Amino acid sequence: MKNVLMIGWELPPFNSGGLGVASYYLALHLSKKVNLIFTLPKKLPIKNCPFKILFADNEIKIIEGYLKYKGIIVNGFLEEVLTYGIRLLQKIKEGKIKIDIIHAHDWLGGVAGVFLKEKLNKPLIIHVHATEIERTGNNPNPLIYHLEKECFSNADLIITVSHLTKKVVSEFYGIPTSKIIPLPNGIDLEIPLNKIPQFILELKKHGYKIVLFVGRLVLQKGPDYFVKTLKYVSQFIPKVKYVIAGSGDMFSSLVKIAYEDGVLDKIIFAGFLRDEELWGVYKYSDLLVAPSVFDPFGLVPLEAIKLNVPVIISKTTGLGNYLDHCFKVDFWDIKQMANYIIGALKYPPLKNELISNSFRELYKFNWEDRANKLIEIYASL
């Protein structure tokens, strides 16, 4: 049985997005097939975790009083990233931990992975959930881009969450396609506990249709395009409410767009929701729209489908390569997006057809299958 060191950055409930969720389920299913240790950069009060966690919570003293990388002084978050590998190496030596394969998530774990590969002489897999190119709309932070490229160049193998991200890693980072394997994320099919927020109950009580957006309010996720559809949709469906579940730096601009379009009263900014409240909002929504400018995979639409909610996704979402029964639209085509929203809300047979067919597709996104594929990949190294 292989000894796998999986270098992570976050786990639920201490996660900011899909990276932590995907990391958890991959580790959960792999831990039944290999000797797996999952690492985190600092101590967290995670309870009842079904796999082993190694916290790199030891302190590193920097002699000069600050850390330099490529001539740039770094501290805080970047210092934590750059010292992660050093701290892990200390823990590995102290615990006499045996390692056959290093599997690192994104550049956040990848920098440590490159360091440990060099020190331990073990094969390195970099698992790419999103690149800096995708996150920023091709306006990357030069330092983060450089660190990503260093990770990709030093990896023995790269796993991407979609064909779209494989293309980005190849074209923007100069990595041969033969070194990259696309492996889409999965979805846990168990129906979670849910708690219905009071505002949702009130909307349904008064006969409103609920159109949902879930995600960070940032350029990459396209929330502005979502808001711009409302002035068209409300002309045909007056009793509609857009619920935006998320937070981010575009909040003020979204309020401005809605105000200028005269639809501010038709939007509810619910803020960042998680766990039972988020599942409750999914359950009572009539439609989910995911208009990402670029999304490497797209876990949110699968979560919605699991709760019998039809979805609209942009054509620049990695999930689109694998999901057939949904509406797909160019993120910038506001009128076409509005037409799809109107159609799904006004015609129940269409909505029901989307729900039943897309739900059946969920069985393609099986975490157990993903773990089995990773076992094959490990064996090839």
Protein backbone atom coordinates (compact mmCIF):
# COMPACT_ATOMS: atom_id res chain seq x y z
CA MET A 1 0.00 0.00 0.00
CA LYS A 2 1.41 3.38 -1.06
CA ASN A 3 2.32 6.02 1.52
CA VAL A 4 0.89 9.31 0.25
CA LEU A 5 1.59 12.75 1.68
CA MET A 6 -1.26 14.98 0.50
CA ILE A 7 -0.34 18.63 0.97
CA GLY A 8 -3.48 20.71 1.41
CA TRP A 9 -4.34 24.26 2.38
CA GLU A 10 -7.85 24.08 3.82
CA LEU A 11 -10.59 21.69 4.91
CA PRO A 12 -14.25 22.21 5.83
CA PRO A 13 -15.56 23.90 7.87
CA PHE A 14 -12.48 26.17 7.73
CA ASN A 15 -12.57 26.62 3.96
CA SER A 16 -13.20 29.63 1.76
CA GLY A 17 -14.33 27.70 -1.32
CA GLY A 18 -14.31 24.53 -3.37
CA LEU A 19 -10.63 23.70 -2.82
CA GLY A 20 -11.31 22.56 0.74
CA VAL A 21 -14.37 20.52 -0.26
CA ALA A 22 -12.59 18.70 -3.09
CA SER A 23 -9.52 18.10 -0.90
CA TYR A 24 -11.70 16.57 1.82
CA TYR A 25 -13.55 14.09 -0.40
CA LEU A 26 -10.43 13.04 -2.30
CA ALA A 27 -8.60 12.41 0.97
CA LEU A 28 -11.62 10.62 2.45
CA HIS A 29 -11.90 8.09 -0.38
CA LEU A 30 -8.16 7.70 -0.94
CA SER A 31 -7.53 7.02 2.75
CA LYS A 32 -9.39 3.72 2.33
CA LYS A 33 -6.95 2.60 -0.37
CA VAL A 34 -3.55 4.06 0.63
CA ASN A 35 -1.72 5.14 3.78
CA LEU A 36 -2.59 8.82 3.50
CA ILE A 37 -1.54 11.75 5.63
CA PHE A 38 -3.20 15.08 4.82
CA THR A 39 -1.30 18.21 5.81
CA LEU A 40 -2.43 21.71 6.75
CA PRO A 41 -0.23 24.78 7.29
CA LYS A 42 -1.54 25.52 10.77
CA LYS A 43 -3.41 23.94 13.66
CA LEU A 44 -7.21 23.98 13.32
CA PRO A 45 -9.89 22.54 15.64
CA ILE A 46 -11.07 19.93 13.12
CA LYS A 47 -13.13 17.27 14.87
CA ASN A 48 -13.82 13.65 13.91
CA CYS A 49 -11.80 13.77 10.70
CA PRO A 50 -11.84 10.29 9.07
CA PHE A 51 -8.22 10.54 7.86
CA LYS A 52 -4.89 11.49 9.43
CA ILE A 53 -3.96 15.18 9.52
CA LEU A 54 -0.46 16.56 10.04
CA PHE A 55 -0.41 20.21 11.10
CA ALA A 56 2.69 22.19 10.12
CA ASP A 57 2.22 24.41 13.16
CA ASN A 58 5.88 24.57 14.20
CA GLU A 59 7.54 27.98 14.09
CA ILE A 60 10.42 28.83 11.78
CA LYS A 61 12.86 31.52 12.87
CA ILE A 62 14.03 33.73 10.01
CA ILE A 63 17.51 34.94 10.90
CA GLU A 64 17.42 38.24 8.99
CA GLY A 65 14.06 39.14 10.52
CA TYR A 66 12.27 38.88 7.19
CA LEU A 67 11.88 36.43 4.33
CA LYS A 68 13.01 37.24 0.79
CA TYR A 69 11.95 35.42 -2.36
CA LYS A 70 13.45 36.40 -5.72
CA GLY A 71 14.56 39.65 -4.10
CA ILE A 72 11.06 40.46 -2.84
CA ILE A 73 10.39 40.77 0.88
CA VAL A 74 7.36 38.67 1.81
CA ASN A 75 5.41 38.26 5.02
CA GLY A 76 2.04 37.09 6.32
CA PHE A 77 0.20 34.86 3.87
CA LEU A 78 3.06 34.44 1.38
CA GLU A 79 5.51 33.75 4.18
CA GLU A 80 3.21 30.95 5.34
CA VAL A 81 3.17 29.48 1.81
CA LEU A 82 6.94 29.72 1.36
CA THR A 83 7.82 28.20 4.75
CA TYR A 84 5.18 25.44 4.59
CA GLY A 85 7.63 22.91 3.14
CA ILE A 86 10.35 23.65 5.70
CA ARG A 87 7.90 23.22 8.55
CA LEU A 88 6.56 19.99 7.05
CA LEU A 89 10.06 18.56 6.62
CA GLN A 90 10.72 19.09 10.32
CA LYS A 91 7.48 17.28 11.21
CA ILE A 92 8.23 14.42 8.79
CA LYS A 93 11.70 13.89 10.27
CA GLU A 94 10.43 14.12 13.85
CA GLY A 95 7.68 11.57 13.17
CA LYS A 96 9.88 9.37 10.95
CA ILE A 97 7.04 9.41 8.42
CA LYS A 98 7.46 7.18 5.38
CA ILE A 99 6.49 8.74 2.05
CA ASP A 100 6.26 7.22 -1.44
CA ILE A 101 4.33 9.96 -3.27
CA ILE A 102 3.76 13.67 -2.69
CA HIS A 103 0.36 14.94 -3.88
CA ALA A 104 -0.01 18.72 -3.50
CA HIS A 105 -3.11 20.86 -4.05
CA ASP A 106 -2.67 24.06 -6.09
CA TRP A 107 0.32 26.37 -5.71
CA LEU A 108 -0.57 26.87 -2.04
CA GLY A 109 0.52 23.30 -1.36
CA GLY A 110 2.65 22.98 -4.47
CA VAL A 111 5.47 25.23 -3.28
CA ALA A 112 5.92 22.93 -0.27
CA GLY A 113 5.61 19.95 -2.60
CA VAL A 114 8.50 21.12 -4.79
CA PHE A 115 10.67 21.67 -1.70
CA LEU A 116 9.89 18.21 -0.29
CA LYS A 117 10.42 16.51 -3.66
CA GLU A 118 13.95 17.91 -3.72
CA LYS A 119 14.70 17.00 -0.10
CA LEU A 120 13.08 13.55 -0.06
CA ASN A 121 13.61 12.54 -3.71
CA LYS A 122 10.00 11.43 -4.13
CA PRO A 123 7.66 11.87 -7.14
CA LEU A 124 5.41 14.94 -7.05
CA ILE A 125 1.85 15.36 -8.33
CA ILE A 126 0.41 18.88 -8.49
CA HIS A 127 -3.40 18.89 -8.41
CA VAL A 128 -4.60 22.09 -10.08
CA HIS A 129 -8.01 23.36 -8.97
CA ALA A 130 -7.51 26.84 -10.46
CA THR A 131 -4.64 28.83 -11.94
CA GLU A 132 -3.78 32.46 -11.37
CA ILE A 133 -4.60 33.06 -15.04
CA GLU A 134 -8.16 31.81 -14.49
CA ARG A 135 -8.66 33.54 -11.15
CA THR A 136 -7.67 36.97 -12.48
CA GLY A 137 -8.97 36.92 -16.05
CA ASN A 138 -5.41 36.76 -17.45
CA ASN A 139 -4.13 39.61 -15.28
CA PRO A 140 -1.98 37.57 -12.90
CA ASN A 141 0.05 38.58 -9.89
CA PRO A 142 3.59 38.07 -11.28
CA LEU A 143 4.92 36.41 -8.13
CA ILE A 144 2.03 33.94 -7.85
CA TYR A 145 2.27 33.17 -11.58
CA HIS A 146 6.01 32.50 -11.18
CA LEU A 147 5.41 30.20 -8.21
CA GLU A 148 2.73 28.29 -10.14
CA LYS A 149 5.03 27.87 -13.13
CA GLU A 150 7.79 26.61 -10.85
CA CYS A 151 5.37 24.09 -9.34
CA PHE A 152 4.15 22.86 -12.73
CA SER A 153 7.67 22.61 -14.17
CA ASN A 154 8.96 20.57 -11.22
CA ALA A 155 5.97 18.22 -10.99
CA ASP A 156 6.28 14.70 -12.32
CA LEU A 157 2.59 14.83 -13.21
CA ILE A 158 -0.15 17.46 -13.17
CA ILE A 159 -3.83 16.75 -12.54
CA THR A 160 -6.37 19.39 -13.59
CA VAL A 161 -10.06 19.52 -12.68
CA SER A 162 -11.12 19.97 -16.32
CA HIS A 163 -10.01 20.00 -19.93
CA LEU A 164 -10.28 23.79 -19.86
CA THR A 165 -7.70 24.05 -17.09
CA LYS A 166 -5.46 21.52 -18.85
CA LYS A 167 -5.46 23.84 -21.85
CA VAL A 168 -4.59 26.86 -19.67
CA VAL A 169 -1.72 25.04 -17.93
CA SER A 170 -0.32 23.99 -21.30
CA GLU A 171 -0.75 27.26 -23.21
CA PHE A 172 0.00 29.83 -20.49
CA TYR A 173 2.65 27.95 -18.52
CA GLY A 174 4.38 26.04 -21.32
CA ILE A 175 3.75 22.57 -19.91
CA PRO A 176 3.56 19.61 -22.35
CA THR A 177 0.03 18.17 -22.58
CA SER A 178 1.49 14.68 -22.11
CA LYS A 179 2.28 15.65 -18.51
CA ILE A 180 -1.30 16.76 -17.71
CA ILE A 181 -4.26 14.53 -16.85
CA PRO A 182 -7.76 16.05 -16.50
CA LEU A 183 -9.75 14.53 -13.64
CA PRO A 184 -13.07 16.27 -12.86
CA ASN A 185 -14.21 16.66 -9.28
CA GLY A 186 -16.99 14.58 -7.80
CA ILE A 187 -20.06 15.27 -5.70
CA ASP A 188 -21.24 13.59 -2.51
CA LEU A 189 -24.73 12.28 -3.33
CA GLU A 190 -25.95 12.17 0.26
CA ILE A 191 -28.70 14.76 0.79
CA PRO A 192 -27.48 17.09 3.54
CA LEU A 193 -29.39 18.49 6.48
CA ASN A 194 -30.86 21.86 5.63
CA LYS A 195 -32.27 24.81 7.48
CA ILE A 196 -34.57 27.14 5.54
CA PRO A 197 -33.77 30.83 6.18
CA GLN A 198 -36.84 32.85 7.14
CA PHE A 199 -36.55 35.21 4.16
CA ILE A 200 -36.77 32.23 1.78
CA LEU A 201 -39.91 30.95 3.49
CA GLU A 202 -41.50 34.41 3.19
CA LEU A 203 -40.69 34.63 -0.52
CA LYS A 204 -42.20 31.22 -1.25
CA LYS A 205 -45.24 32.02 0.91
CA HIS A 206 -45.96 35.04 -1.30
CA GLY A 207 -45.48 33.15 -4.56
CA TYR A 208 -42.09 34.44 -5.70
CA LYS A 209 -39.83 32.59 -8.09
CA ILE A 210 -36.28 32.44 -6.72
CA VAL A 211 -33.27 32.62 -9.01
CA LEU A 212 -30.04 31.86 -7.17
CA PHE A 213 -26.39 32.83 -7.53
CA VAL A 214 -23.86 31.18 -5.21
CA GLY A 215 -20.22 32.21 -5.17
CA ARG A 216 -17.67 34.86 -4.42
CA LEU A 217 -18.59 38.31 -5.74
CA VAL A 218 -15.51 38.60 -7.92
CA LEU A 219 -14.82 39.13 -11.61
CA GLN A 220 -14.14 35.43 -12.27
CA LYS A 221 -17.64 34.36 -11.14
CA GLY A 222 -19.55 36.86 -13.34
CA PRO A 223 -22.11 38.15 -10.79
CA ASP A 224 -22.48 41.42 -12.72
CA TYR A 225 -23.78 39.55 -15.79
CA PHE A 226 -26.26 37.74 -13.56
CA VAL A 227 -27.61 41.00 -12.12
CA LYS A 228 -27.89 42.58 -15.58
CA THR A 229 -30.37 39.89 -16.69
CA LEU A 230 -32.91 40.90 -14.05
CA LYS A 231 -34.31 43.92 -15.87
CA TYR A 232 -35.29 41.64 -18.78
CA VAL A 233 -36.55 38.74 -16.66
CA SER A 234 -38.73 40.94 -14.44
CA GLN A 235 -40.61 42.26 -17.48
CA PHE A 236 -42.01 38.76 -18.08
CA ILE A 237 -42.01 37.46 -14.51
CA PRO A 238 -42.82 40.31 -12.09
CA LYS A 239 -42.85 38.06 -9.02
CA VAL A 240 -39.21 37.08 -9.19
CA LYS A 241 -36.42 37.54 -6.66
CA TYR A 242 -32.72 37.13 -7.29
CA VAL A 243 -30.88 35.77 -4.25
CA ILE A 244 -27.12 36.31 -4.21
CA ALA A 245 -25.34 34.08 -1.69
CA GLY A 246 -21.76 35.24 -1.43
CA SER A 247 -19.46 38.10 -0.54
CA GLY A 248 -16.62 39.86 -2.30
CA ASP A 249 -15.20 43.09 -3.66
CA MET A 250 -17.85 43.50 -6.39
CA PHE A 251 -20.70 43.99 -3.91
CA SER A 252 -20.88 47.78 -4.32
CA SER A 253 -20.78 47.63 -8.12
CA LEU A 254 -23.60 45.05 -8.13
CA VAL A 255 -25.75 47.31 -5.98
CA LYS A 256 -25.01 50.17 -8.40
CA ILE A 257 -25.99 48.08 -11.45
CA ALA A 258 -29.25 46.97 -9.81
CA TYR A 259 -30.09 50.53 -8.76
CA GLU A 260 -29.45 51.95 -12.24
CA ASP A 261 -31.55 49.18 -13.80
CA GLY A 262 -34.39 49.87 -11.36
CA VAL A 263 -34.40 46.35 -9.90
CA LEU A 264 -32.65 46.78 -6.56
CA ASP A 265 -35.86 45.86 -4.74
CA LYS A 266 -35.87 42.50 -6.54
CA ILE A 267 -32.46 41.38 -5.23
CA ILE A 268 -31.59 39.90 -1.85
CA PHE A 269 -27.90 39.96 -0.93
CA ALA A 270 -27.78 37.07 1.52
CA GLY A 271 -24.03 37.24 2.18
CA PHE A 272 -21.78 34.22 2.56
CA LEU A 273 -23.82 31.15 3.53
CA ARG A 274 -22.55 27.72 4.43
CA ASP A 275 -23.74 24.31 5.54
CA GLU A 276 -27.41 23.94 6.52
CA GLU A 277 -28.48 27.47 5.55
CA LEU A 278 -26.92 27.21 2.10
CA TRP A 279 -28.54 23.83 1.46
CA GLY A 280 -31.86 25.30 2.59
CA VAL A 281 -31.56 28.10 0.03
CA TYR A 282 -30.71 25.59 -2.70
CA LYS A 283 -33.72 23.44 -1.81
CA TYR A 284 -36.28 26.23 -2.25
CA SER A 285 -34.75 27.89 -5.31
CA ASP A 286 -36.37 27.53 -8.72
CA LEU A 287 -33.19 27.97 -10.74
CA LEU A 288 -29.44 28.41 -10.27
CA VAL A 289 -27.35 30.55 -12.61
CA ALA A 290 -23.55 30.18 -12.72
CA PRO A 291 -22.38 32.78 -15.28
CA SER A 292 -18.64 32.47 -14.60
CA VAL A 293 -16.27 34.38 -16.86
CA PHE A 294 -13.98 31.42 -16.27
CA ASP A 295 -14.41 28.57 -13.81
CA PRO A 296 -11.98 25.65 -13.88
CA PHE A 297 -14.67 23.20 -12.79
CA GLY A 298 -17.85 24.46 -11.08
CA LEU A 299 -18.99 22.59 -7.99
CA VAL A 300 -21.95 24.89 -7.25
CA PRO A 301 -24.13 23.69 -10.18
CA LEU A 302 -23.68 20.07 -9.05
CA GLU A 303 -24.73 21.04 -5.52
CA ALA A 304 -27.87 22.66 -6.93
CA ILE A 305 -28.71 19.65 -9.10
CA LYS A 306 -28.40 17.40 -6.05
CA LEU A 307 -31.26 19.41 -4.49
CA ASN A 308 -33.37 19.15 -7.70
CA VAL A 309 -32.63 22.65 -8.96
CA PRO A 310 -32.11 23.16 -12.73
CA VAL A 311 -29.01 25.10 -13.73
CA ILE A 312 -27.68 27.53 -16.30
CA ILE A 313 -23.90 27.59 -16.70
CA SER A 314 -21.54 29.62 -18.85
CA LYS A 315 -19.69 28.01 -21.73
CA THR A 316 -16.42 28.92 -19.99
CA THR A 317 -17.09 26.60 -17.07
CA GLY A 318 -15.05 23.39 -16.95
CA LEU A 319 -18.11 21.43 -15.85
CA GLY A 320 -19.64 22.05 -19.28
CA ASN A 321 -17.36 19.37 -20.76
CA TYR A 322 -19.04 16.76 -18.59
CA LEU A 323 -22.62 17.96 -17.94
CA ASP A 324 -25.13 17.76 -20.81
CA HIS A 325 -28.56 18.47 -19.33
CA CYS A 326 -28.39 22.15 -18.53
CA PHE A 327 -28.55 25.44 -20.41
CA LYS A 328 -25.14 26.69 -21.55
CA VAL A 329 -24.64 30.31 -22.52
CA ASP A 330 -21.85 32.79 -23.23
CA PHE A 331 -21.35 34.69 -19.96
CA TRP A 332 -21.57 38.03 -21.77
CA ASP A 333 -24.82 37.22 -23.64
CA ILE A 334 -27.21 38.76 -21.10
CA LYS A 335 -30.31 38.57 -23.29
CA GLN A 336 -29.85 34.89 -24.10
CA MET A 337 -29.22 34.17 -20.43
CA ALA A 338 -32.42 36.04 -19.57
CA ASN A 339 -34.34 34.01 -22.18
CA TYR A 340 -33.15 30.76 -20.58
CA ILE A 341 -34.12 32.02 -17.12
CA ILE A 342 -37.60 33.00 -18.34
CA GLY A 343 -38.07 29.66 -20.10
CA ALA A 344 -37.09 27.62 -17.04
CA LEU A 345 -39.37 29.67 -14.77
CA LYS A 346 -42.42 29.89 -17.05
CA TYR A 347 -42.58 26.35 -18.42
CA PRO A 348 -42.74 23.64 -15.72
CA PRO A 349 -42.34 20.70 -18.17
CA LEU A 350 -39.02 22.18 -19.34
CA LYS A 351 -37.87 22.72 -15.76
CA ASN A 352 -38.85 19.19 -14.74
CA GLU A 353 -37.08 17.68 -17.73
CA LEU A 354 -33.88 19.53 -16.84
CA ILE A 355 -34.13 18.40 -13.22
CA SER A 356 -34.69 14.70 -13.92
CA ASN A 357 -32.06 14.40 -16.64
CA SER A 358 -29.37 16.41 -14.85
CA PHE A 359 -29.90 14.49 -11.60
CA ARG A 360 -29.20 11.22 -13.41
CA GLU A 361 -25.93 12.71 -14.63
CA LEU A 362 -24.71 13.18 -11.06
CA TYR A 363 -23.71 9.52 -10.96
CA LYS A 364 -20.89 10.36 -13.37
CA PHE A 365 -19.34 12.53 -10.65
CA ASN A 366 -18.43 9.81 -8.19
CA TRP A 367 -15.63 10.45 -5.67
CA GLU A 368 -14.92 6.72 -5.39
CA ASP A 369 -14.21 6.59 -9.13
CA ARG A 370 -11.91 9.61 -8.79
CA ALA A 371 -9.99 7.88 -6.00
CA ASN A 372 -9.62 4.72 -8.10
CA LYS A 373 -8.24 6.78 -10.98
CA LEU A 374 -5.71 8.37 -8.63
CA ILE A 375 -4.61 4.91 -7.48
CA GLU A 376 -3.86 4.09 -11.13
CA ILE A 377 -1.92 7.34 -11.47
CA TYR A 378 0.09 6.62 -8.31
CA ALA A 379 0.97 3.17 -9.66
CA SER A 380 2.32 4.72 -12.87
CA LEU A 381 4.90 6.85 -11.05
